[in-house]
All heavy atoms as atom14 arrays in JSON, in Angstrom:
{
  "sequence": "TKDQVLTERHEMFFRELGETVDGSVVDDMYRTQIAEHGHRLFEGAL",
  "atom14_mask": [
    [1, 1, 1, 1, 1, 1, 1, 0, 0, 0, 0, 0, 0, 0],
    [1, 1, 1, 1, 1, 1, 1, 1, 1, 0, 0, 0, 0, 0],
    [1, 1, 1, 1, 1, 1, 1, 1, 0, 0, 0, 0, 0, 0],
    [1, 1, 1, 1, 1, 1, 1, 1, 1, 0, 0, 0, 0, 0],
    [1, 1, 1, 1, 1, 1, 1, 0, 0, 0, 0, 0, 0, 0],
    [1, 1, 1, 1, 1, 1, 1, 1, 0, 0, 0, 0, 0, 0],
    [1, 1, 1, 1, 1, 1, 1, 0, 0, 0, 0, 0, 0, 0],
    [1, 1, 1, 1, 1, 1, 1, 1, 1, 0, 0, 0, 0, 0],
    [1, 1, 1, 1, 1, 1, 1, 1, 1, 1, 1, 0, 0, 0],
    [1, 1, 1, 1, 1, 1, 1, 1, 1, 1, 0, 0, 0, 0],
    [1, 1, 1, 1, 1, 1, 1, 1, 1, 0, 0, 0, 0, 0],
    [1, 1, 1, 1, 1, 1, 1, 1, 0, 0, 0, 0, 0, 0],
    [1, 1, 1, 1, 1, 1, 1, 1, 1, 1, 1, 0, 0, 0],
    [1, 1, 1, 1, 1, 1, 1, 1, 1, 1, 1, 0, 0, 0],
    [1, 1, 1, 1, 1, 1, 1, 1, 1, 1, 1, 0, 0, 0],
    [1, 1, 1, 1, 1, 1, 1, 1, 1, 0, 0, 0, 0, 0],
    [1, 1, 1, 1, 1, 1, 1, 1, 0, 0, 0, 0, 0, 0],
    [1, 1, 1, 1, 0, 0, 0, 0, 0, 0, 0, 0, 0, 0],
    [1, 1, 1, 1, 1, 1, 1, 1, 1, 0, 0, 0, 0, 0],
    [1, 1, 1, 1, 1, 1, 1, 0, 0, 0, 0, 0, 0, 0],
    [1, 1, 1, 1, 1, 1, 1, 0, 0, 0, 0, 0, 0, 0],
    [1, 1, 1, 1, 1, 1, 1, 1, 0, 0, 0, 0, 0, 0],
    [1, 1, 1, 1, 0, 0, 0, 0, 0, 0, 0, 0, 0, 0],
    [1, 1, 1, 1, 1, 1, 0, 0, 0, 0, 0, 0, 0, 0],
    [1, 1, 1, 1, 1, 1, 1, 0, 0, 0, 0, 0, 0, 0],
    [1, 1, 1, 1, 1, 1, 1, 0, 0, 0, 0, 0, 0, 0],
    [1, 1, 1, 1, 1, 1, 1, 1, 0, 0, 0, 0, 0, 0],
    [1, 1, 1, 1, 1, 1, 1, 1, 0, 0, 0, 0, 0, 0],
    [1, 1, 1, 1, 1, 1, 1, 1, 0, 0, 0, 0, 0, 0],
    [1, 1, 1, 1, 1, 1, 1, 1, 1, 1, 1, 1, 0, 0],
    [1, 1, 1, 1, 1, 1, 1, 1, 1, 1, 1, 0, 0, 0],
    [1, 1, 1, 1, 1, 1, 1, 0, 0, 0, 0, 0, 0, 0],
    [1, 1, 1, 1, 1, 1, 1, 1, 1, 0, 0, 0, 0, 0],
    [1, 1, 1, 1, 1, 1, 1, 1, 0, 0, 0, 0, 0, 0],
    [1, 1, 1, 1, 1, 0, 0, 0, 0, 0, 0, 0, 0, 0],
    [1, 1, 1, 1, 1, 1, 1, 1, 1, 0, 0, 0, 0, 0],
    [1, 1, 1, 1, 1, 1, 1, 1, 1, 1, 0, 0, 0, 0],
    [1, 1, 1, 1, 0, 0, 0, 0, 0, 0, 0, 0, 0, 0],
    [1, 1, 1, 1, 1, 1, 1, 1, 1, 1, 0, 0, 0, 0],
    [1, 1, 1, 1, 1, 1, 1, 1, 1, 1, 1, 0, 0, 0],
    [1, 1, 1, 1, 1, 1, 1, 1, 0, 0, 0, 0, 0, 0],
    [1, 1, 1, 1, 1, 1, 1, 1, 1, 1, 1, 0, 0, 0],
    [1, 1, 1, 1, 1, 1, 1, 1, 1, 0, 0, 0, 0, 0],
    [1, 1, 1, 1, 0, 0, 0, 0, 0, 0, 0, 0, 0, 0],
    [1, 1, 1, 1, 1, 0, 0, 0, 0, 0, 0, 0, 0, 0],
    [1, 1, 1, 1, 1, 1, 1, 1, 0, 0, 0, 0, 0, 0]
  ],
  "atom14_positions": [
    [[116.83, 60.55, -62.08], [116.11, 60.2, -63.37], [117.08, 60.07, -64.37], [118.23, 60.41, -64.33], [115.02, 61.25, -63.68], [115.84, 62.5, -64.03], [114.27, 61.62, -62.41], [0.0, 0.0, 0.0], [0.0, 0.0, 0.0], [0.0, 0.0, 0.0], [0.0, 0.0, 0.0], [0.0, 0.0, 0.0], [0.0, 0.0, 0.0], [0.0, 0.0, 0.0]],
    [[116.5, 59.39, -65.55], [117.44, 59.22, -66.75], [117.85, 60.55, -67.24], [119.06, 60.77, -67.57], [116.61, 58.5, -67.79], [117.6, 58.21, -69.09], [116.7, 57.86, -70.23], [115.99, 59.09, -70.77], [115.15, 58.88, -71.97], [0.0, 0.0, 0.0], [0.0, 0.0, 0.0], [0.0, 0.0, 0.0], [0.0, 0.0, 0.0], [0.0, 0.0, 0.0]],
    [[116.93, 61.65, -67.35], [117.45, 62.93, -67.82], [118.53, 63.55, -66.95], [119.4, 64.06, -67.46], [116.28, 63.9, -67.89], [115.25, 63.53, -69.05], [115.71, 62.7, -69.9], [114.23, 63.91, -69.08], [0.0, 0.0, 0.0], [0.0, 0.0, 0.0], [0.0, 0.0, 0.0], [0.0, 0.0, 0.0], [0.0, 0.0, 0.0], [0.0, 0.0, 0.0]],
    [[118.41, 63.34, -65.58], [119.42, 63.77, -64.69], [120.8, 63.12, -65.01], [121.91, 63.79, -64.97], [119.04, 63.6, -63.28], [117.93, 64.65, -62.77], [117.42, 64.26, -61.35], [117.25, 63.06, -61.04], [117.3, 65.26, -60.59], [0.0, 0.0, 0.0], [0.0, 0.0, 0.0], [0.0, 0.0, 0.0], [0.0, 0.0, 0.0], [0.0, 0.0, 0.0]],
    [[120.74, 61.87, -65.26], [122.01, 61.13, -65.53], [122.61, 61.67, -66.74], [123.85, 61.97, -66.78], [121.71, 59.61, -65.66], [122.91, 58.89, -66.28], [121.35, 58.95, -64.43], [0.0, 0.0, 0.0], [0.0, 0.0, 0.0], [0.0, 0.0, 0.0], [0.0, 0.0, 0.0], [0.0, 0.0, 0.0], [0.0, 0.0, 0.0], [0.0, 0.0, 0.0]],
    [[121.95, 61.69, -67.79], [122.38, 62.18, -69.15], [123.04, 63.63, -69.1], [124.03, 63.85, -69.75], [121.3, 62.2, -70.18], [120.71, 60.82, -70.45], [119.62, 60.9, -71.53], [121.74, 59.75, -70.79], [0.0, 0.0, 0.0], [0.0, 0.0, 0.0], [0.0, 0.0, 0.0], [0.0, 0.0, 0.0], [0.0, 0.0, 0.0], [0.0, 0.0, 0.0]],
    [[122.54, 64.5, -68.22], [123.04, 65.9, -68.17], [124.06, 66.01, -67.06], [125.13, 66.68, -67.38], [122.02, 66.79, -68.01], [121.21, 66.62, -66.92], [121.02, 66.89, -69.21], [0.0, 0.0, 0.0], [0.0, 0.0, 0.0], [0.0, 0.0, 0.0], [0.0, 0.0, 0.0], [0.0, 0.0, 0.0], [0.0, 0.0, 0.0], [0.0, 0.0, 0.0]],
    [[123.75, 65.59, -65.93], [124.66, 65.8, -64.72], [125.95, 65.16, -64.8], [126.9, 65.68, -64.2], [123.83, 65.49, -63.47], [122.62, 66.42, -63.18], [121.96, 66.0, -61.82], [122.41, 65.26, -61.16], [120.78, 66.58, -61.65], [0.0, 0.0, 0.0], [0.0, 0.0, 0.0], [0.0, 0.0, 0.0], [0.0, 0.0, 0.0], [0.0, 0.0, 0.0]],
    [[126.05, 63.94, -65.44], [127.41, 63.41, -65.5], [128.36, 64.19, -66.26], [129.54, 64.38, -65.92], [127.32, 62.01, -66.33], [126.63, 62.21, -67.77], [126.43, 60.78, -68.44], [125.71, 60.98, -69.65], [125.71, 59.97, -70.6], [126.2, 58.84, -70.34], [125.02, 60.28, -71.71], [0.0, 0.0, 0.0], [0.0, 0.0, 0.0], [0.0, 0.0, 0.0]],
    [[128.03, 64.91, -67.33], [128.88, 65.8, -68.0], [129.13, 67.16, -67.28], [130.35, 67.57, -67.24], [128.23, 66.26, -69.43], [127.89, 64.94, -70.26], [128.87, 64.23, -70.72], [126.75, 64.52, -70.73], [128.43, 63.32, -71.57], [127.18, 63.43, -71.54], [0.0, 0.0, 0.0], [0.0, 0.0, 0.0], [0.0, 0.0, 0.0], [0.0, 0.0, 0.0]],
    [[128.26, 67.63, -66.58], [128.37, 68.95, -65.77], [129.23, 68.68, -64.72], [130.2, 69.47, -64.43], [126.98, 69.43, -65.26], [126.08, 69.88, -66.48], [124.68, 70.25, -65.97], [124.41, 69.99, -64.77], [123.83, 70.63, -66.81], [0.0, 0.0, 0.0], [0.0, 0.0, 0.0], [0.0, 0.0, 0.0], [0.0, 0.0, 0.0], [0.0, 0.0, 0.0]],
    [[129.21, 67.46, -64.07], [130.08, 67.2, -63.0], [131.58, 67.01, -63.46], [132.49, 67.48, -62.84], [129.68, 65.9, -62.3], [130.63, 65.48, -61.04], [129.95, 63.95, -60.31], [131.15, 63.92, -58.99], [0.0, 0.0, 0.0], [0.0, 0.0, 0.0], [0.0, 0.0, 0.0], [0.0, 0.0, 0.0], [0.0, 0.0, 0.0], [0.0, 0.0, 0.0]],
    [[131.6, 66.28, -64.67], [133.04, 66.05, -65.27], [133.67, 67.32, -65.45], [134.74, 67.54, -65.24], [132.85, 65.19, -66.48], [134.17, 64.97, -67.16], [135.2, 64.17, -66.62], [134.25, 65.46, -68.51], [136.34, 64.03, -67.36], [135.51, 65.12, -69.21], [136.48, 64.42, -68.65], [0.0, 0.0, 0.0], [0.0, 0.0, 0.0], [0.0, 0.0, 0.0]],
    [[133.06, 68.25, -66.31], [133.57, 69.56, -66.65], [133.82, 70.36, -65.34], [134.77, 71.25, -65.43], [132.72, 70.09, -67.65], [132.91, 69.7, -69.19], [132.23, 68.64, -69.61], [133.93, 70.36, -69.97], [132.55, 68.22, -70.95], [134.24, 69.86, -71.1], [133.62, 68.81, -71.7], [0.0, 0.0, 0.0], [0.0, 0.0, 0.0], [0.0, 0.0, 0.0]],
    [[132.91, 70.26, -64.46], [133.1, 71.14, -63.21], [134.38, 70.77, -62.59], [135.13, 71.66, -62.11], [131.95, 70.86, -62.31], [131.9, 71.89, -61.17], [130.49, 71.88, -60.53], [130.03, 70.55, -60.02], [128.89, 69.89, -60.68], [128.27, 70.48, -61.63], [128.64, 68.82, -60.18], [0.0, 0.0, 0.0], [0.0, 0.0, 0.0], [0.0, 0.0, 0.0]],
    [[134.8, 69.46, -62.58], [136.19, 69.09, -62.02], [137.31, 69.68, -62.84], [138.38, 69.71, -62.4], [136.16, 67.6, -61.89], [135.2, 66.99, -60.98], [135.53, 65.48, -60.71], [136.4, 64.83, -61.32], [134.62, 64.87, -59.91], [0.0, 0.0, 0.0], [0.0, 0.0, 0.0], [0.0, 0.0, 0.0], [0.0, 0.0, 0.0], [0.0, 0.0, 0.0]],
    [[137.0, 70.01, -64.2], [137.99, 70.54, -65.03], [138.04, 72.06, -64.88], [138.81, 72.73, -65.6], [137.75, 70.15, -66.41], [137.92, 68.57, -66.62], [137.53, 68.23, -68.15], [139.34, 67.99, -66.27], [0.0, 0.0, 0.0], [0.0, 0.0, 0.0], [0.0, 0.0, 0.0], [0.0, 0.0, 0.0], [0.0, 0.0, 0.0], [0.0, 0.0, 0.0]],
    [[137.16, 72.62, -64.11], [137.08, 74.03, -63.97], [136.24, 74.77, -65.01], [136.41, 75.92, -65.22], [0.0, 0.0, 0.0], [0.0, 0.0, 0.0], [0.0, 0.0, 0.0], [0.0, 0.0, 0.0], [0.0, 0.0, 0.0], [0.0, 0.0, 0.0], [0.0, 0.0, 0.0], [0.0, 0.0, 0.0], [0.0, 0.0, 0.0], [0.0, 0.0, 0.0]],
    [[135.38, 74.0, -65.63], [134.58, 74.5, -66.68], [133.1, 74.27, -66.38], [132.67, 73.39, -65.66], [134.78, 73.63, -68.06], [136.3, 73.74, -68.51], [136.68, 75.05, -69.28], [135.74, 75.76, -69.54], [137.79, 75.35, -69.45], [0.0, 0.0, 0.0], [0.0, 0.0, 0.0], [0.0, 0.0, 0.0], [0.0, 0.0, 0.0], [0.0, 0.0, 0.0]],
    [[132.31, 75.33, -66.96], [130.77, 75.21, -66.76], [130.18, 74.97, -68.1], [130.54, 75.76, -69.05], [130.27, 76.57, -66.13], [130.85, 76.72, -64.83], [128.83, 76.45, -65.98], [0.0, 0.0, 0.0], [0.0, 0.0, 0.0], [0.0, 0.0, 0.0], [0.0, 0.0, 0.0], [0.0, 0.0, 0.0], [0.0, 0.0, 0.0], [0.0, 0.0, 0.0]],
    [[129.39, 73.91, -68.29], [128.88, 73.67, -69.55], [127.3, 73.36, -69.29], [126.82, 73.1, -68.27], [129.45, 72.31, -70.17], [130.98, 72.57, -70.41], [129.26, 71.03, -69.21], [0.0, 0.0, 0.0], [0.0, 0.0, 0.0], [0.0, 0.0, 0.0], [0.0, 0.0, 0.0], [0.0, 0.0, 0.0], [0.0, 0.0, 0.0], [0.0, 0.0, 0.0]],
    [[126.52, 73.33, -70.43], [125.22, 72.9, -70.51], [125.21, 71.42, -70.71], [125.47, 70.9, -71.83], [124.48, 73.69, -71.62], [122.97, 73.32, -71.58], [122.53, 72.26, -71.33], [122.18, 74.18, -72.16], [0.0, 0.0, 0.0], [0.0, 0.0, 0.0], [0.0, 0.0, 0.0], [0.0, 0.0, 0.0], [0.0, 0.0, 0.0], [0.0, 0.0, 0.0]],
    [[124.84, 70.64, -69.71], [124.95, 69.15, -69.88], [124.15, 68.67, -70.96], [124.56, 67.69, -71.48], [0.0, 0.0, 0.0], [0.0, 0.0, 0.0], [0.0, 0.0, 0.0], [0.0, 0.0, 0.0], [0.0, 0.0, 0.0], [0.0, 0.0, 0.0], [0.0, 0.0, 0.0], [0.0, 0.0, 0.0], [0.0, 0.0, 0.0], [0.0, 0.0, 0.0]],
    [[123.01, 69.27, -71.33], [122.11, 68.73, -72.38], [122.76, 68.97, -73.66], [122.74, 68.0, -74.56], [120.73, 69.35, -72.26], [120.78, 70.71, -72.47], [0.0, 0.0, 0.0], [0.0, 0.0, 0.0], [0.0, 0.0, 0.0], [0.0, 0.0, 0.0], [0.0, 0.0, 0.0], [0.0, 0.0, 0.0], [0.0, 0.0, 0.0], [0.0, 0.0, 0.0]],
    [[123.49, 70.07, -73.87], [124.32, 70.22, -75.08], [125.39, 69.21, -75.28], [125.56, 68.66, -76.39], [124.68, 71.67, -75.22], [125.61, 71.96, -76.41], [123.64, 72.74, -75.21], [0.0, 0.0, 0.0], [0.0, 0.0, 0.0], [0.0, 0.0, 0.0], [0.0, 0.0, 0.0], [0.0, 0.0, 0.0], [0.0, 0.0, 0.0], [0.0, 0.0, 0.0]],
    [[126.11, 69.1, -74.25], [127.3, 68.17, -74.23], [126.68, 66.7, -74.55], [127.33, 66.01, -75.31], [128.07, 68.3, -72.94], [129.24, 67.21, -72.92], [128.67, 69.58, -72.93], [0.0, 0.0, 0.0], [0.0, 0.0, 0.0], [0.0, 0.0, 0.0], [0.0, 0.0, 0.0], [0.0, 0.0, 0.0], [0.0, 0.0, 0.0], [0.0, 0.0, 0.0]],
    [[125.62, 66.36, -73.91], [125.11, 65.1, -74.0], [124.67, 64.77, -75.47], [124.86, 63.68, -75.92], [124.03, 64.83, -73.08], [123.52, 63.3, -73.05], [124.44, 62.53, -72.61], [122.39, 63.09, -73.35], [0.0, 0.0, 0.0], [0.0, 0.0, 0.0], [0.0, 0.0, 0.0], [0.0, 0.0, 0.0], [0.0, 0.0, 0.0], [0.0, 0.0, 0.0]],
    [[124.02, 65.7, -76.12], [123.6, 65.49, -77.53], [124.85, 65.28, -78.42], [124.83, 64.4, -79.24], [123.01, 66.8, -77.99], [121.47, 66.91, -77.49], [121.02, 65.9, -77.07], [120.98, 68.1, -77.51], [0.0, 0.0, 0.0], [0.0, 0.0, 0.0], [0.0, 0.0, 0.0], [0.0, 0.0, 0.0], [0.0, 0.0, 0.0], [0.0, 0.0, 0.0]],
    [[125.97, 66.08, -78.06], [127.13, 65.85, -78.82], [127.8, 64.45, -78.51], [128.19, 63.74, -79.47], [128.15, 66.89, -78.38], [129.56, 66.93, -79.12], [130.65, 68.19, -78.54], [129.61, 69.74, -78.54], [0.0, 0.0, 0.0], [0.0, 0.0, 0.0], [0.0, 0.0, 0.0], [0.0, 0.0, 0.0], [0.0, 0.0, 0.0], [0.0, 0.0, 0.0]],
    [[127.74, 64.06, -77.37], [128.4, 62.89, -76.86], [127.58, 61.62, -77.47], [128.15, 60.68, -78.02], [128.31, 62.79, -75.34], [128.73, 61.54, -74.66], [130.12, 61.28, -74.52], [127.77, 60.7, -74.21], [130.59, 60.04, -73.78], [128.22, 59.42, -73.65], [129.51, 59.17, -73.42], [129.95, 57.97, -72.87], [0.0, 0.0, 0.0], [0.0, 0.0, 0.0]],
    [[126.19, 61.67, -77.38], [125.44, 60.53, -77.8], [125.45, 60.43, -79.3], [125.28, 59.32, -79.85], [123.97, 60.61, -77.22], [124.01, 60.22, -75.7], [122.61, 59.95, -75.26], [121.77, 61.17, -75.2], [120.75, 61.37, -76.05], [120.42, 60.42, -77.04], [119.99, 62.4, -76.02], [0.0, 0.0, 0.0], [0.0, 0.0, 0.0], [0.0, 0.0, 0.0]],
    [[125.52, 61.5, -80.07], [125.65, 61.51, -81.42], [126.93, 60.66, -81.8], [126.84, 59.84, -82.75], [125.73, 62.87, -82.03], [124.59, 63.62, -81.76], [126.02, 62.9, -83.62], [0.0, 0.0, 0.0], [0.0, 0.0, 0.0], [0.0, 0.0, 0.0], [0.0, 0.0, 0.0], [0.0, 0.0, 0.0], [0.0, 0.0, 0.0], [0.0, 0.0, 0.0]],
    [[127.9, 60.91, -81.19], [129.27, 60.19, -81.41], [129.11, 58.69, -81.01], [129.62, 57.77, -81.63], [130.35, 60.76, -80.6], [130.79, 62.09, -81.15], [131.25, 62.18, -82.59], [132.11, 61.32, -82.98], [130.64, 62.97, -83.37], [0.0, 0.0, 0.0], [0.0, 0.0, 0.0], [0.0, 0.0, 0.0], [0.0, 0.0, 0.0], [0.0, 0.0, 0.0]],
    [[128.4, 58.35, -79.87], [128.26, 57.03, -79.48], [127.38, 56.27, -80.53], [127.65, 55.09, -80.88], [127.41, 56.97, -78.13], [128.3, 57.46, -77.03], [126.97, 55.61, -77.82], [129.47, 56.46, -76.65], [0.0, 0.0, 0.0], [0.0, 0.0, 0.0], [0.0, 0.0, 0.0], [0.0, 0.0, 0.0], [0.0, 0.0, 0.0], [0.0, 0.0, 0.0]],
    [[126.33, 56.94, -80.97], [125.44, 56.33, -82.15], [126.26, 56.05, -83.29], [126.11, 54.98, -83.92], [124.3, 57.19, -82.38], [0.0, 0.0, 0.0], [0.0, 0.0, 0.0], [0.0, 0.0, 0.0], [0.0, 0.0, 0.0], [0.0, 0.0, 0.0], [0.0, 0.0, 0.0], [0.0, 0.0, 0.0], [0.0, 0.0, 0.0], [0.0, 0.0, 0.0]],
    [[127.29, 56.89, -83.7], [128.0, 56.71, -84.94], [129.05, 55.78, -84.79], [129.32, 54.93, -85.79], [128.61, 58.11, -85.3], [129.46, 58.05, -86.5], [130.02, 59.42, -86.91], [129.56, 60.49, -86.38], [131.05, 59.4, -87.74], [0.0, 0.0, 0.0], [0.0, 0.0, 0.0], [0.0, 0.0, 0.0], [0.0, 0.0, 0.0], [0.0, 0.0, 0.0]],
    [[129.7, 55.62, -83.58], [130.91, 54.69, -83.55], [130.49, 53.51, -82.54], [131.41, 52.69, -82.34], [132.05, 55.51, -82.85], [132.51, 56.68, -83.67], [133.15, 56.4, -84.85], [132.33, 58.0, -83.53], [133.46, 57.62, -85.42], [133.0, 58.58, -84.56], [0.0, 0.0, 0.0], [0.0, 0.0, 0.0], [0.0, 0.0, 0.0], [0.0, 0.0, 0.0]],
    [[129.32, 53.44, -82.04], [129.06, 52.4, -81.0], [128.58, 51.05, -81.45], [127.89, 50.32, -80.77], [0.0, 0.0, 0.0], [0.0, 0.0, 0.0], [0.0, 0.0, 0.0], [0.0, 0.0, 0.0], [0.0, 0.0, 0.0], [0.0, 0.0, 0.0], [0.0, 0.0, 0.0], [0.0, 0.0, 0.0], [0.0, 0.0, 0.0], [0.0, 0.0, 0.0]],
    [[128.78, 50.73, -82.76], [128.31, 49.41, -83.32], [129.44, 48.39, -83.4], [129.09, 47.34, -83.96], [127.67, 49.6, -84.66], [128.58, 50.29, -85.64], [128.7, 51.67, -85.78], [129.27, 49.69, -86.65], [129.52, 51.91, -86.68], [129.85, 50.75, -87.27], [0.0, 0.0, 0.0], [0.0, 0.0, 0.0], [0.0, 0.0, 0.0], [0.0, 0.0, 0.0]],
    [[130.52, 48.51, -82.94], [131.63, 47.66, -83.05], [131.42, 46.46, -81.99], [131.18, 46.62, -80.89], [132.98, 48.4, -82.65], [134.11, 47.38, -82.41], [135.39, 48.07, -82.13], [136.49, 47.23, -81.57], [137.69, 47.68, -81.13], [137.81, 49.0, -80.97], [138.63, 46.88, -80.71], [0.0, 0.0, 0.0], [0.0, 0.0, 0.0], [0.0, 0.0, 0.0]],
    [[131.38, 45.25, -82.55], [131.25, 44.02, -81.84], [132.5, 43.59, -81.31], [133.61, 43.78, -81.89], [130.6, 42.97, -82.73], [129.17, 43.02, -82.97], [128.87, 43.98, -84.06], [128.65, 41.63, -83.47], [0.0, 0.0, 0.0], [0.0, 0.0, 0.0], [0.0, 0.0, 0.0], [0.0, 0.0, 0.0], [0.0, 0.0, 0.0], [0.0, 0.0, 0.0]],
    [[132.41, 42.87, -80.18], [133.65, 42.23, -79.59], [133.97, 41.04, -80.47], [133.13, 40.49, -81.26], [133.34, 41.57, -78.21], [133.35, 42.67, -77.07], [132.22, 43.01, -76.56], [134.59, 43.28, -76.75], [132.21, 44.0, -75.46], [134.57, 44.29, -75.75], [133.44, 44.61, -75.12], [0.0, 0.0, 0.0], [0.0, 0.0, 0.0], [0.0, 0.0, 0.0]],
    [[135.31, 40.74, -80.63], [135.82, 39.76, -81.59], [135.07, 38.36, -81.3], [135.06, 37.9, -80.13], [137.29, 39.51, -81.38], [137.9, 38.58, -82.39], [139.42, 38.47, -82.21], [139.92, 39.23, -81.44], [140.01, 37.67, -82.97], [0.0, 0.0, 0.0], [0.0, 0.0, 0.0], [0.0, 0.0, 0.0], [0.0, 0.0, 0.0], [0.0, 0.0, 0.0]],
    [[134.58, 37.77, -82.27], [133.8, 36.47, -82.11], [132.35, 36.53, -81.67], [131.67, 35.52, -81.83], [0.0, 0.0, 0.0], [0.0, 0.0, 0.0], [0.0, 0.0, 0.0], [0.0, 0.0, 0.0], [0.0, 0.0, 0.0], [0.0, 0.0, 0.0], [0.0, 0.0, 0.0], [0.0, 0.0, 0.0], [0.0, 0.0, 0.0], [0.0, 0.0, 0.0]],
    [[131.98, 37.71, -81.39], [130.56, 37.91, -80.82], [129.52, 37.52, -81.93], [128.56, 36.81, -81.65], [130.32, 39.22, -80.45], [0.0, 0.0, 0.0], [0.0, 0.0, 0.0], [0.0, 0.0, 0.0], [0.0, 0.0, 0.0], [0.0, 0.0, 0.0], [0.0, 0.0, 0.0], [0.0, 0.0, 0.0], [0.0, 0.0, 0.0], [0.0, 0.0, 0.0]],
    [[129.8, 37.93, -83.2], [128.78, 37.58, -84.24], [128.75, 36.18, -84.52], [127.69, 35.63, -84.74], [129.14, 38.42, -85.51], [128.25, 38.18, -86.67], [126.76, 38.63, -86.28], [128.71, 39.08, -87.91], [0.0, 0.0, 0.0], [0.0, 0.0, 0.0], [0.0, 0.0, 0.0], [0.0, 0.0, 0.0], [0.0, 0.0, 0.0], [0.0, 0.0, 0.0]]
  ]
}
């Protein structure tokens, strides 16, 4: 499901780093940054 994607991707990534995280908390942090910085267009796109 979409919710599983949003949380489990982070949990798997951190698990490989030997860390345990709450995927929903990390995802909120991650998507806040995406929303803030994610409006850059490719050159010439506009």
